[in-house]
Amino acid sequence: MSAAFELLCFNHDWQVSFCTPGATLPNLQRQLAEKVSALAQGQRMLAVDIDGVPQVAVVLRNDSHSLVVFHPDESDRALFDFIATVDIAFDILHHFITNPYEGITVVDRDAVLRYISPVHERFFGYKPGGAVGQPVHHVIENTRLQEVVRTGKAEIGQVQEMSNTSRVVNRIPITYDGEVVGAIGRVLFRTPEEVHELSRQISSLRAEVNYYETELTRLRHRTFGLDEIVGESEAILKLKSEIRKIAPLDVPVFIAGESGTGKELVAHAIHNLSRRSDKPMVVLNCGALPSTLVESELFGYDSGAFTGAKREGRAGKFEIAHRSSLFLDEVGDLPQEAQVKLLRVLEGSAFERVGSNRQRTTDFRLISATNRDLKRMIADDDYRADLYFRINGVTLTIPPLRQRREDVPILARHFITKIAARVGSTVRSITPEALTLLQGLHWPGNVRQLYHEIQRAIIFANHHELSMEDFSELYQESRTSQENAAGLGVGSGQASMKDTIGSVELNLIRDAIKRFNGNKKRVAEELGISRSYLYKRLAELDL
């Protein structure tokens, strides 16, 4: 099959005035004359089947002549069918090659430019036709069309840097009879404003997806109840007593505490002991919530409120928490505009969904928490004082783990039982020496950090009892801490692990003896050691 174009020129009487060798057949000339003469005004493309061979043609006219450029289309007839059935086929093709938002580049089998659209020429500073005939990599920065021609593999949706601008490009090889004969590159051109808006929408959607993934993980693993607050220290017993007292009272509760101390556990315990426990507590992590989601998550939205909104709309947290409890975790991370709107709801119990004018009312108990210093934030004008006093009906403070070290053995054993069952481990206990190490650490991440360290040790352990060796990395990290070093008296860094552990152990025993007024049974139980071992260590202390 020939790939050549043929030419046929008619005068105003539709007589042939010129033709190429492949256009001399009388039947072909007659049929083309009939088709061209019947073309509507402005129509410049046609498709005609001549002796079983589909032909596609472009017609150029002036007052006295009509020039027909035609070519056989014997491949899959797609182009023939398109031109034969679409009257505006020429205008559509013209749009594709002159579209101001999509630049098209055509190269031949040698990666030499054969066509470059006007928007692309202007972008690279060429006059019309000035780039044609040059190697494509001499004209277009960072192009890979020459590689597409060489490999025959398309490259779709690639990012290409051109003149300090990032563009999305598609590079597609063109084949004929199974051989690569060239390639086409398509570049997406948009105004900076449009590109920025698209980028903003993508970032917003990614933030929403990350938020909902985090929320789903949290919902899958959350636990409830006062029993989940593990510990027998004086501080924890006092906290549990306070929870029991305030839980039945329908007043706002503010939970203060460092990160990892278990603020959400306390919130669940308060709700489960309250009069609203028949409905699940609604939880919103303000720290993980993108600013673009604050209003829709709190207030909900009606149909058509914004692009991507569900057709039926959606209830917000205020609405879902009606006659239940609403726990706002990390409430100190709420942006200023959200603080104002939250205050209005707390003051009047009324709100409107995004995109709606209908006022709704809600009745919920607010429980909030943060690890941030809200008083300092108020002084710095980063947090509203009126909102702080509204959410701070009763304050519960959760002590950090370093202030209740006596709870470490209980927590450790609790976590071992819980984690081992979940991961299918054979670990069942922990040695006294390992417990001594854990009790002596500072724990900046509090109970959460302890949980993860024990989980890590269980996963990598190959025995039934956790020992010092399972926490060697944690020990090495603790040696670098100045506060820990000062507390242990190892500022020189020359003490051995054995000496350091011994020092920690003796300090814990000394403190426990004072705390329990010399009751050795209570001391042994609290430290998780045998009384015989305790007596041995007491002898070293001369106690």
Protein backbone atom coordinates (compact mmCIF):
# COMPACT_ATOMS: atom_id res chain seq x y z
CA MET A 1 0.00 0.00 0.00
CA SER A 2 1.32 3.41 -0.93
CA ALA A 3 1.52 6.08 1.72
CA ALA A 4 1.75 8.94 -0.82
CA PHE A 5 -0.70 11.82 -1.16
CA GLU A 6 -2.26 12.46 -4.54
CA LEU A 7 -3.33 15.81 -6.04
CA LEU A 8 -6.26 16.56 -8.35
CA CYS A 9 -7.18 20.06 -9.54
CA PHE A 10 -10.55 20.98 -11.08
CA ASN A 11 -11.51 24.22 -12.90
CA HIS A 12 -14.86 25.99 -12.45
CA ASP A 13 -16.48 23.63 -15.02
CA TRP A 14 -15.23 20.60 -13.00
CA GLN A 15 -12.79 19.63 -15.70
CA VAL A 16 -9.42 18.22 -14.59
CA SER A 17 -6.71 20.82 -15.12
CA PHE A 18 -3.95 18.94 -13.30
CA CYS A 19 -3.42 15.61 -11.54
CA THR A 20 -0.60 13.46 -10.16
CA PRO A 21 0.09 9.98 -11.64
CA GLY A 22 -1.99 8.24 -9.00
CA ALA A 23 -5.09 10.34 -9.79
CA THR A 24 -5.53 9.61 -13.50
CA LEU A 25 -8.31 7.00 -13.27
CA PRO A 26 -11.53 8.41 -14.84
CA ASN A 27 -13.81 6.79 -12.22
CA LEU A 28 -11.77 8.32 -9.38
CA GLN A 29 -11.84 11.76 -11.03
CA ARG A 30 -15.62 11.55 -11.64
CA GLN A 31 -16.49 10.51 -8.10
CA LEU A 32 -14.24 13.15 -6.54
CA ALA A 33 -15.76 15.83 -8.78
CA GLU A 34 -19.26 14.83 -7.66
CA LYS A 35 -18.31 14.83 -3.98
CA VAL A 36 -16.38 18.09 -4.05
CA SER A 37 -19.11 19.95 -5.98
CA ALA A 38 -21.69 18.79 -3.40
CA LEU A 39 -19.68 20.03 -0.38
CA ALA A 40 -21.46 22.56 1.80
CA GLN A 41 -20.09 26.06 2.11
CA GLY A 42 -17.11 26.03 4.45
CA GLN A 43 -16.73 22.23 4.47
CA ARG A 44 -13.19 21.27 3.52
CA MET A 45 -12.85 17.53 4.22
CA LEU A 46 -14.57 14.52 2.71
CA ALA A 47 -14.41 10.74 2.64
CA VAL A 48 -15.26 8.67 -0.40
CA ASP A 49 -15.08 4.95 -1.21
CA ILE A 50 -13.63 4.49 -4.71
CA ASP A 51 -13.48 0.98 -6.14
CA GLY A 52 -13.51 -0.46 -2.62
CA VAL A 53 -10.64 1.74 -1.39
CA PRO A 54 -11.59 4.33 1.27
CA GLN A 55 -10.11 7.76 0.48
CA VAL A 56 -9.87 10.81 2.73
CA ALA A 57 -9.42 14.22 1.18
CA VAL A 58 -8.83 17.89 1.97
CA VAL A 59 -10.27 20.46 -0.42
CA LEU A 60 -8.76 23.91 -1.03
CA ARG A 61 -10.81 26.38 -3.14
CA ASN A 62 -10.61 29.76 -4.82
CA ASP A 63 -12.91 31.48 -7.30
CA SER A 64 -11.80 29.41 -10.31
CA HIS A 65 -10.29 26.15 -9.06
CA SER A 66 -10.68 23.39 -6.45
CA LEU A 67 -7.56 21.51 -5.35
CA VAL A 68 -8.13 18.06 -3.82
CA VAL A 69 -5.39 16.42 -1.72
CA PHE A 70 -6.38 12.82 -1.01
CA HIS A 71 -4.92 9.72 0.56
CA PRO A 72 -6.08 6.07 0.90
CA ASP A 73 -7.12 4.98 4.43
CA GLU A 74 -6.96 1.21 4.39
CA SER A 75 -5.85 0.61 8.00
CA ASP A 76 -8.87 0.49 10.30
CA ARG A 77 -11.09 3.05 8.50
CA ALA A 78 -11.27 5.13 11.71
CA LEU A 79 -10.20 8.36 9.98
CA PHE A 80 -12.43 7.59 6.98
CA ASP A 81 -15.47 6.99 9.20
CA PHE A 82 -14.75 10.12 11.23
CA ILE A 83 -14.58 12.40 8.18
CA ALA A 84 -17.52 10.68 6.45
CA THR A 85 -19.87 11.11 9.42
CA VAL A 86 -18.74 14.41 11.01
CA ASP A 87 -19.43 17.52 8.93
CA ILE A 88 -17.14 19.66 11.07
CA ALA A 89 -14.25 17.16 10.95
CA PHE A 90 -11.87 19.77 9.51
CA ASP A 91 -12.70 22.26 12.27
CA ILE A 92 -12.16 19.62 14.94
CA LEU A 93 -8.76 18.64 13.58
CA HIS A 94 -7.88 22.32 13.23
CA HIS A 95 -8.79 22.81 16.90
CA PHE A 96 -6.52 19.96 17.98
CA ILE A 97 -3.45 21.40 16.30
CA THR A 98 -4.08 25.05 17.22
CA ASN A 99 -5.62 24.64 20.70
CA PRO A 100 -4.13 27.42 22.90
CA TYR A 101 -4.22 25.14 25.96
CA GLU A 102 -2.58 22.04 24.43
CA GLY A 103 0.59 22.26 22.38
CA ILE A 104 1.24 19.53 19.80
CA THR A 105 4.65 18.54 18.48
CA VAL A 106 5.22 16.07 15.63
CA VAL A 107 8.59 14.47 14.87
CA ASP A 108 9.61 12.00 12.17
CA ARG A 109 11.51 8.72 12.55
CA ASP A 110 14.76 10.71 12.98
CA ALA A 111 13.26 12.85 15.79
CA VAL A 112 13.29 15.91 13.55
CA LEU A 113 10.49 18.43 14.07
CA ARG A 114 7.84 18.32 11.33
CA TYR A 115 5.17 20.34 13.08
CA ILE A 116 4.91 22.43 16.23
CA SER A 117 1.67 24.17 17.20
CA PRO A 118 1.50 27.99 17.38
CA VAL A 119 1.18 28.11 21.19
CA HIS A 120 4.32 26.00 21.47
CA GLU A 121 6.22 28.17 18.99
CA ARG A 122 5.38 31.30 20.97
CA PHE A 123 6.34 29.62 24.25
CA PHE A 124 9.85 28.86 22.94
CA GLY A 125 10.22 32.18 21.10
CA TYR A 126 10.09 30.92 17.48
CA LYS A 127 8.42 32.59 14.53
CA PRO A 128 5.80 30.48 12.66
CA GLY A 129 7.65 27.57 11.02
CA GLY A 130 11.00 28.64 12.45
CA ALA A 131 11.55 25.44 14.43
CA VAL A 132 10.50 22.96 11.73
CA GLY A 133 13.37 20.85 10.38
CA GLN A 134 15.48 21.03 13.55
CA PRO A 135 16.21 18.09 15.89
CA VAL A 136 13.53 18.18 18.56
CA HIS A 137 16.00 18.25 21.48
CA HIS A 138 17.49 21.47 20.06
CA VAL A 139 14.12 23.20 20.30
CA ILE A 140 12.26 21.72 23.31
CA GLU A 141 13.96 21.66 26.67
CA ASN A 142 14.10 18.25 28.42
CA THR A 143 12.12 16.55 25.68
CA ARG A 144 12.09 12.76 25.41
CA LEU A 145 10.40 12.43 22.02
CA GLN A 146 13.64 11.10 20.55
CA GLU A 147 13.54 8.30 23.16
CA VAL A 148 9.93 7.50 22.33
CA VAL A 149 10.87 7.23 18.64
CA ARG A 150 13.79 4.98 19.53
CA THR A 151 11.93 2.66 21.93
CA GLY A 152 8.41 2.82 20.54
CA LYS A 153 7.05 3.11 24.10
CA ALA A 154 4.51 5.77 25.04
CA GLU A 155 5.06 8.06 28.04
CA ILE A 156 1.77 9.29 29.50
CA GLY A 157 1.19 11.94 32.16
CA GLN A 158 4.86 12.83 32.61
CA VAL A 159 6.03 16.09 34.21
CA GLN A 160 8.48 18.05 32.07
CA GLU A 161 10.41 21.17 33.08
CA MET A 162 10.46 23.79 30.33
CA SER A 163 11.72 27.34 30.83
CA ASN A 164 11.43 27.02 34.63
CA THR A 165 7.82 25.84 34.26
CA SER A 166 6.42 22.39 34.98
CA ARG A 167 4.06 20.97 32.37
CA VAL A 168 2.19 17.68 32.08
CA VAL A 169 3.00 15.95 28.78
CA ASN A 170 2.03 12.84 26.81
CA ARG A 171 4.48 11.33 24.30
CA ILE A 172 3.04 8.78 21.86
CA PRO A 173 4.86 6.82 19.11
CA ILE A 174 3.28 6.65 15.62
CA THR A 175 3.59 3.36 13.76
CA TYR A 176 3.01 2.32 10.13
CA ASP A 177 3.10 -1.31 9.04
CA GLY A 178 4.51 -2.22 12.47
CA GLU A 179 7.38 0.28 12.25
CA VAL A 180 7.80 3.48 14.26
CA VAL A 181 7.65 6.36 11.79
CA GLY A 182 7.48 9.26 14.25
CA ALA A 183 5.99 10.52 17.49
CA ILE A 184 3.55 13.08 18.79
CA GLY A 185 4.00 15.13 21.94
CA ARG A 186 1.08 16.86 23.65
CA VAL A 187 1.71 19.52 26.28
CA LEU A 188 -0.94 20.85 28.65
CA PHE A 189 -0.84 24.66 28.75
CA ARG A 190 -2.84 26.48 31.39
CA THR A 191 -2.71 29.92 32.95
CA PRO A 192 -0.79 30.12 36.24
CA GLU A 193 -4.06 30.79 38.06
CA GLU A 194 -5.67 27.65 36.67
CA VAL A 195 -2.64 25.51 37.48
CA HIS A 196 -2.52 26.90 41.02
CA GLU A 197 -6.22 26.21 41.54
CA LEU A 198 -5.82 22.65 40.27
CA SER A 199 -2.84 22.12 42.58
CA ARG A 200 -4.80 23.54 45.50
CA GLN A 201 -7.72 21.19 44.86
CA ILE A 202 -5.41 18.18 44.63
CA SER A 203 -3.66 19.15 47.89
CA SER A 204 -7.02 19.61 49.58
CA LEU A 205 -8.23 16.21 48.41
CA ARG A 206 -5.01 14.55 49.57
CA ALA A 207 -5.35 16.17 52.99
CA GLU A 208 -8.94 14.92 53.24
CA VAL A 209 -7.91 11.37 52.30
CA ASN A 210 -5.08 11.39 54.88
CA TYR A 211 -7.46 12.69 57.52
CA TYR A 212 -10.09 10.02 56.89
CA GLU A 213 -7.46 7.26 56.76
CA THR A 214 -6.15 8.38 60.16
CA GLU A 215 -9.67 8.55 61.57
CA LEU A 216 -10.47 5.05 60.26
CA THR A 217 -7.33 3.60 61.88
CA ARG A 218 -8.18 5.30 65.16
CA LEU A 219 -11.75 4.00 65.12
CA ARG A 220 -10.56 0.45 64.47
CA HIS A 221 -8.19 0.41 67.44
CA ARG A 222 -9.86 2.60 70.07
CA THR A 223 -10.86 1.10 73.40
CA PHE A 224 -13.33 2.24 76.04
CA GLY A 225 -13.88 2.24 79.78
CA LEU A 226 -12.32 3.23 83.06
CA ASP A 227 -10.51 -0.12 83.25
CA GLU A 228 -8.37 0.90 80.28
CA ILE A 229 -6.74 3.58 82.45
CA VAL A 230 -4.10 1.26 83.87
CA GLY A 231 -2.20 2.06 87.05
CA GLU A 232 -2.32 2.01 90.86
CA SER A 233 -0.24 5.06 91.64
CA GLU A 234 -1.69 7.76 93.84
CA ALA A 235 -1.98 10.09 90.83
CA ILE A 236 -3.96 7.58 88.77
CA LEU A 237 -6.22 6.60 91.64
CA LYS A 238 -6.98 10.28 92.19
CA LEU A 239 -7.69 10.75 88.45
CA LYS A 240 -10.11 7.79 88.41
CA SER A 241 -11.88 9.17 91.48
CA GLU A 242 -12.30 12.56 89.78
CA ILE A 243 -13.67 10.88 86.64
CA ARG A 244 -16.30 9.05 88.66
CA LYS A 245 -17.36 12.30 90.32
CA ILE A 246 -17.71 14.47 87.23
CA ALA A 247 -18.91 11.88 84.69
CA PRO A 248 -22.60 12.01 85.80
CA LEU A 249 -22.57 15.83 85.76
CA ASP A 250 -23.60 17.35 82.44
CA VAL A 251 -20.82 19.97 82.38
CA PRO A 252 -18.01 20.57 79.85
CA VAL A 253 -14.76 18.81 80.70
CA PHE A 254 -11.31 19.94 79.67
CA ILE A 255 -8.54 17.30 79.77
CA ALA A 256 -4.98 18.58 80.05
CA GLY A 257 -1.92 16.44 79.62
CA GLU A 258 1.19 15.82 77.59
CA SER A 259 1.08 13.92 74.33
CA GLY A 260 0.72 10.18 74.88
CA THR A 261 -0.71 10.31 78.40
CA GLY A 262 -4.09 8.85 77.37
CA LYS A 263 -6.45 11.82 77.04
CA GLU A 264 -8.83 9.98 74.72
CA LEU A 265 -9.08 7.06 77.17
CA VAL A 266 -10.14 9.52 79.87
CA ALA A 267 -12.71 11.07 77.52
CA HIS A 268 -14.23 7.65 76.75
CA ALA A 269 -14.33 6.79 80.45
CA ILE A 270 -16.18 10.04 81.22
CA HIS A 271 -18.72 9.38 78.47
CA ASN A 272 -19.28 5.74 79.42
CA LEU A 273 -20.03 6.73 83.03
CA SER A 274 -22.33 9.58 81.98
CA ARG A 275 -26.09 9.72 81.37
CA ARG A 276 -25.41 9.94 77.64
CA SER A 277 -23.62 6.59 77.36
CA ASP A 278 -26.47 4.95 75.45
CA LYS A 279 -25.18 6.69 72.30
CA PRO A 280 -21.56 6.46 71.09
CA MET A 281 -19.28 9.38 71.76
CA VAL A 282 -18.42 11.43 68.66
CA VAL A 283 -14.71 12.12 68.22
CA LEU A 284 -12.98 14.79 66.16
CA ASN A 285 -9.20 15.23 66.09
CA CYS A 286 -8.78 18.95 65.44
CA GLY A 287 -5.03 18.58 64.98
CA ALA A 288 -5.41 16.16 62.06
CA LEU A 289 -8.20 18.15 60.41
CA PRO A 290 -7.23 20.22 57.33
CA SER A 291 -8.47 23.81 57.52
CA THR A 292 -10.57 23.21 54.38
CA LEU A 293 -12.55 20.53 56.24
CA VAL A 294 -13.25 22.29 59.54
CA GLU A 295 -16.67 23.74 58.64
CA SER A 296 -18.01 20.71 56.76
CA GLU A 297 -16.85 18.32 59.51
CA LEU A 298 -18.31 20.34 62.38
CA PHE A 299 -21.45 21.76 60.78
CA GLY A 300 -22.13 19.30 57.96
CA TYR A 301 -23.31 20.44 54.51
CA ASP A 302 -26.34 20.39 52.25
CA SER A 303 -26.53 19.11 48.68
CA GLY A 304 -24.50 21.24 46.25
CA ALA A 305 -22.74 23.19 48.99
CA PHE A 306 -19.40 22.82 47.20
CA THR A 307 -17.67 20.83 44.47
CA GLY A 308 -17.53 17.17 45.46
CA ALA A 309 -20.32 17.41 48.03
CA LYS A 310 -22.55 14.36 48.32
CA ARG A 311 -25.88 14.74 46.56
CA GLU A 312 -27.82 14.01 49.73
CA GLY A 313 -25.60 16.23 51.92
CA ARG A 314 -24.05 15.07 55.20
CA ALA A 315 -24.53 15.67 58.90
CA GLY A 316 -21.66 17.25 60.82
CA LYS A 317 -20.22 16.31 64.20
CA PHE A 318 -22.50 18.75 66.06
CA GLU A 319 -25.55 17.07 64.56
CA ILE A 320 -24.30 13.50 65.06
CA ALA A 321 -23.42 14.22 68.70
CA HIS A 322 -27.00 15.25 69.56
CA ARG A 323 -27.86 13.78 72.98
CA SER A 324 -24.37 12.30 73.23
CA SER A 325 -20.84 13.56 73.93
CA LEU A 326 -18.54 15.37 71.51
CA PHE A 327 -14.82 14.90 72.14
CA LEU A 328 -12.65 17.55 70.47
CA ASP A 329 -9.10 16.24 70.70
CA GLU A 330 -6.22 18.69 70.17
CA VAL A 331 -8.68 21.57 70.50
CA GLY A 332 -5.72 23.92 70.81
CA ASP A 333 -4.99 23.37 67.10
CA LEU A 334 -8.28 24.84 65.87
CA PRO A 335 -7.74 27.81 63.52
CA GLN A 336 -9.01 31.21 64.66
CA GLU A 337 -12.02 31.28 62.35
CA ALA A 338 -13.12 27.85 63.58
CA GLN A 339 -12.75 29.00 67.20
CA VAL A 340 -15.28 31.77 66.58
CA LYS A 341 -17.82 29.40 65.02
CA LEU A 342 -17.39 26.79 67.74
CA LEU A 343 -17.95 29.46 70.41
CA ARG A 344 -21.21 30.54 68.76
CA VAL A 345 -22.56 26.99 68.83
CA LEU A 346 -21.52 26.48 72.45
CA GLU A 347 -23.22 29.72 73.44
CA GLY A 348 -26.48 29.15 71.57
CA SER A 349 -26.63 25.44 70.65
CA ALA A 350 -27.75 26.52 67.15
CA PHE A 351 -25.94 26.18 63.83
CA GLU A 352 -26.46 25.95 60.08
CA ARG A 353 -25.06 23.41 57.66
CA VAL A 354 -22.69 24.69 54.99
CA GLY A 355 -24.82 25.76 52.02
CA SER A 356 -28.04 25.94 54.07
CA ASN A 357 -30.04 28.75 55.68
CA ARG A 358 -32.05 26.43 57.93
CA GLN A 359 -31.09 26.73 61.56
CA ARG A 360 -30.62 23.52 63.51
CA THR A 361 -30.19 22.89 67.21
CA THR A 362 -28.12 20.31 69.02
CA ASP A 363 -27.63 19.09 72.58
CA PHE A 364 -24.26 17.53 73.33
CA ARG A 365 -21.78 17.38 76.17
CA LEU A 366 -18.42 18.82 75.19
CA ILE A 367 -15.22 17.06 76.23
CA SER A 368 -12.05 18.65 74.92
CA ALA A 369 -8.35 18.00 75.28
CA THR A 370 -4.99 19.39 74.26
CA ASN A 371 -1.32 19.07 75.06
CA ARG A 372 -0.75 22.76 74.38
CA ASP A 373 -0.56 25.60 76.89
CA LEU A 374 -3.80 27.44 76.11
CA LYS A 375 -3.13 30.19 78.66
CA ARG A 376 0.11 31.06 76.90
CA MET A 377 -1.67 30.91 73.54
CA ILE A 378 -4.29 33.33 74.88
CA ALA A 379 -1.54 35.70 75.99
CA ASP A 380 -0.04 35.47 72.49
CA ASP A 381 -3.47 36.11 70.88
CA ASP A 382 -3.43 32.66 69.29
CA TYR A 383 -6.46 31.40 71.20
CA ARG A 384 -9.72 33.04 72.24
CA ALA A 385 -10.07 33.54 75.98
CA ASP A 386 -13.89 33.37 75.81
CA LEU A 387 -13.72 29.97 74.10
CA TYR A 388 -11.21 28.72 76.68
CA PHE A 389 -13.53 29.59 79.57
CA ARG A 390 -16.48 28.05 77.74
CA ILE A 391 -14.79 24.66 77.24
CA ASN A 392 -13.06 24.68 80.62
CA GLY A 393 -16.00 23.81 82.86
CA VAL A 394 -14.03 21.22 84.86
CA THR A 395 -10.35 20.47 84.26
CA LEU A 396 -8.77 17.05 84.63
CA THR A 397 -4.99 16.83 84.47
CA ILE A 398 -3.35 13.55 83.47
CA PRO A 399 0.11 13.12 85.03
CA PRO A 400 3.03 12.27 82.75
CA LEU A 401 4.49 8.78 83.09
CA ARG A 402 7.72 10.08 84.68
CA GLN A 403 5.64 11.30 87.65
CA ARG A 404 4.14 7.85 88.24
CA ARG A 405 7.03 5.50 87.60
CA GLU A 406 5.54 2.95 89.99
CA ASP A 407 2.89 2.27 87.31
CA VAL A 408 5.47 1.20 84.73
CA PRO A 409 5.57 -2.51 85.80
CA ILE A 410 1.76 -2.72 85.78
CA LEU A 411 1.56 -1.02 82.39
CA ALA A 412 4.33 -3.19 80.98
CA ARG A 413 2.64 -6.44 82.00
CA HIS A 414 -0.71 -5.17 80.74
CA PHE A 415 0.79 -4.29 77.37
CA ILE A 416 2.64 -7.61 77.10
CA THR A 417 -0.61 -9.54 77.58
CA LYS A 418 -2.49 -7.33 75.13
CA ILE A 419 0.16 -7.10 72.40
CA ALA A 420 1.29 -10.73 72.53
CA ALA A 421 -2.29 -11.91 72.00
CA ARG A 422 -2.75 -9.53 69.07
CA VAL A 423 0.47 -10.41 67.22
CA GLY A 424 0.53 -14.10 68.19
CA SER A 425 3.74 -13.88 70.23
CA THR A 426 4.87 -16.37 72.89
CA VAL A 427 6.22 -13.58 75.16
CA ARG A 428 4.52 -13.79 78.55
CA SER A 429 6.66 -11.84 81.03
CA ILE A 430 9.52 -9.40 81.59
CA THR A 431 12.60 -9.65 83.82
CA PRO A 432 13.02 -7.44 86.92
CA GLU A 433 16.17 -5.91 85.40
CA ALA A 434 14.27 -4.85 82.27
CA LEU A 435 11.50 -3.37 84.42
CA THR A 436 14.10 -1.44 86.39
CA LEU A 437 15.45 0.02 83.17
CA LEU A 438 11.97 1.04 81.99
CA GLN A 439 11.16 2.63 85.33
CA GLY A 440 14.27 4.75 85.21
CA LEU A 441 13.63 6.32 81.80
CA HIS A 442 12.23 9.80 81.26
CA TRP A 443 9.48 8.79 78.77
CA PRO A 444 8.89 12.04 76.86
CA GLY A 445 6.25 10.19 74.82
CA ASN A 446 4.61 8.88 77.99
CA VAL A 447 2.37 5.78 77.98
CA ARG A 448 2.12 5.74 74.19
CA GLN A 449 5.92 5.56 73.90
CA LEU A 450 6.08 2.77 76.49
CA TYR A 451 3.44 0.83 74.55
CA HIS A 452 5.36 1.11 71.27
CA GLU A 453 8.69 0.17 72.88
CA ILE A 454 7.18 -2.97 74.39
CA GLN A 455 5.44 -3.78 71.12
CA ARG A 456 8.74 -3.46 69.26
CA ALA A 457 10.51 -5.68 71.82
CA ILE A 458 7.79 -8.37 71.56
CA ILE A 459 7.87 -8.40 67.77
CA PHE A 460 11.64 -8.99 67.64
CA ALA A 461 11.92 -11.25 70.71
CA ASN A 462 12.61 -14.96 70.18
CA HIS A 463 11.96 -16.07 73.77
CA HIS A 464 9.13 -16.10 76.30
CA GLU A 465 10.44 -13.35 78.58
CA LEU A 466 11.56 -9.84 77.68
CA SER A 467 14.99 -9.01 79.06
CA MET A 468 17.52 -6.20 79.05
CA GLU A 469 18.79 -7.26 75.64
CA ASP A 470 15.38 -6.58 74.12
CA PHE A 471 15.65 -2.92 75.18
CA SER A 472 19.35 -2.34 74.47
CA GLU A 473 18.61 0.30 71.83
CA LEU A 474 16.33 2.15 74.22
CA TYR A 475 19.07 2.06 76.83
CA GLN A 476 21.64 3.51 74.44
CA GLU A 477 19.24 6.31 73.52
CA SER A 478 18.66 7.09 77.18
CA ARG A 479 22.40 7.50 77.76
CA THR A 480 22.39 10.52 75.43
CA SER A 481 19.74 12.33 77.44
CA GLN A 482 21.22 15.01 79.68
CA GLU A 483 18.32 14.87 82.07
CA ASN A 484 18.59 11.13 82.43
CA ALA A 485 22.34 11.35 82.80
CA ALA A 486 22.00 13.95 85.55
CA GLY A 487 19.43 11.86 87.41
CA LEU A 488 21.61 8.76 87.23
CA GLY A 489 24.89 10.44 87.98
CA VAL A 490 26.59 9.26 84.80
CA GLY A 491 27.60 12.58 83.37
CA SER A 492 31.02 11.25 82.43
CA GLY A 493 29.41 8.56 80.26
CA GLN A 494 31.89 5.97 81.57
CA ALA A 495 29.51 3.90 83.73
CA SER A 496 28.69 0.40 82.49
CA MET A 497 25.13 -0.73 81.80
CA LYS A 498 25.26 -2.98 84.85
CA ASP A 499 26.38 -0.13 87.11
CA THR A 500 23.76 2.21 85.70
CA ILE A 501 20.92 -0.27 86.15
CA GLY A 502 22.07 -1.02 89.66
CA SER A 503 22.04 2.67 90.51
CA VAL A 504 18.53 3.10 89.12
CA GLU A 505 17.33 0.04 91.00
CA LEU A 506 18.69 1.21 94.34
CA ASN A 507 17.17 4.68 93.85
CA LEU A 508 13.76 3.14 93.12
CA ILE A 509 13.97 0.91 96.18
CA ARG A 510 14.99 3.85 98.40
CA ASP A 511 12.04 5.95 97.11
CA ALA A 512 9.58 3.07 97.55
CA ILE A 513 10.72 2.39 101.13
CA LYS A 514 10.01 6.04 101.99
CA ARG A 515 6.68 6.07 100.16
CA PHE A 516 5.36 2.93 101.88
CA ASN A 517 6.86 3.74 105.29
CA GLY A 518 9.16 0.73 105.30
CA ASN A 519 6.45 -1.83 104.36
CA LYS A 520 8.70 -4.29 102.49
CA LYS A 521 5.82 -6.43 101.23
CA ARG A 522 4.22 -3.43 99.54
CA VAL A 523 7.61 -2.33 98.15
CA ALA A 524 8.28 -5.74 96.59
CA GLU A 525 4.79 -5.89 95.08
CA GLU A 526 5.04 -2.36 93.70
CA LEU A 527 8.47 -2.92 92.12
CA GLY A 528 7.61 -6.39 90.81
CA ILE A 529 10.47 -8.17 92.60
CA SER A 530 10.65 -10.98 95.14
CA ARG A 531 11.05 -10.14 98.84
CA SER A 532 14.26 -12.16 99.03
CA TYR A 533 15.76 -10.10 96.24
CA LEU A 534 14.51 -6.93 97.96
CA TYR A 535 16.21 -7.92 101.24
CA LYS A 536 19.43 -8.52 99.36
CA ARG A 537 19.36 -5.05 97.84
CA LEU A 538 18.32 -3.44 101.13
CA ALA A 539 21.44 -4.90 102.74
CA GLU A 540 23.53 -3.03 100.21
CA LEU A 541 21.73 0.17 101.20
CA ASP A 542 22.12 -0.53 104.91
CA LEU A 543 18.36 -0.14 105.33
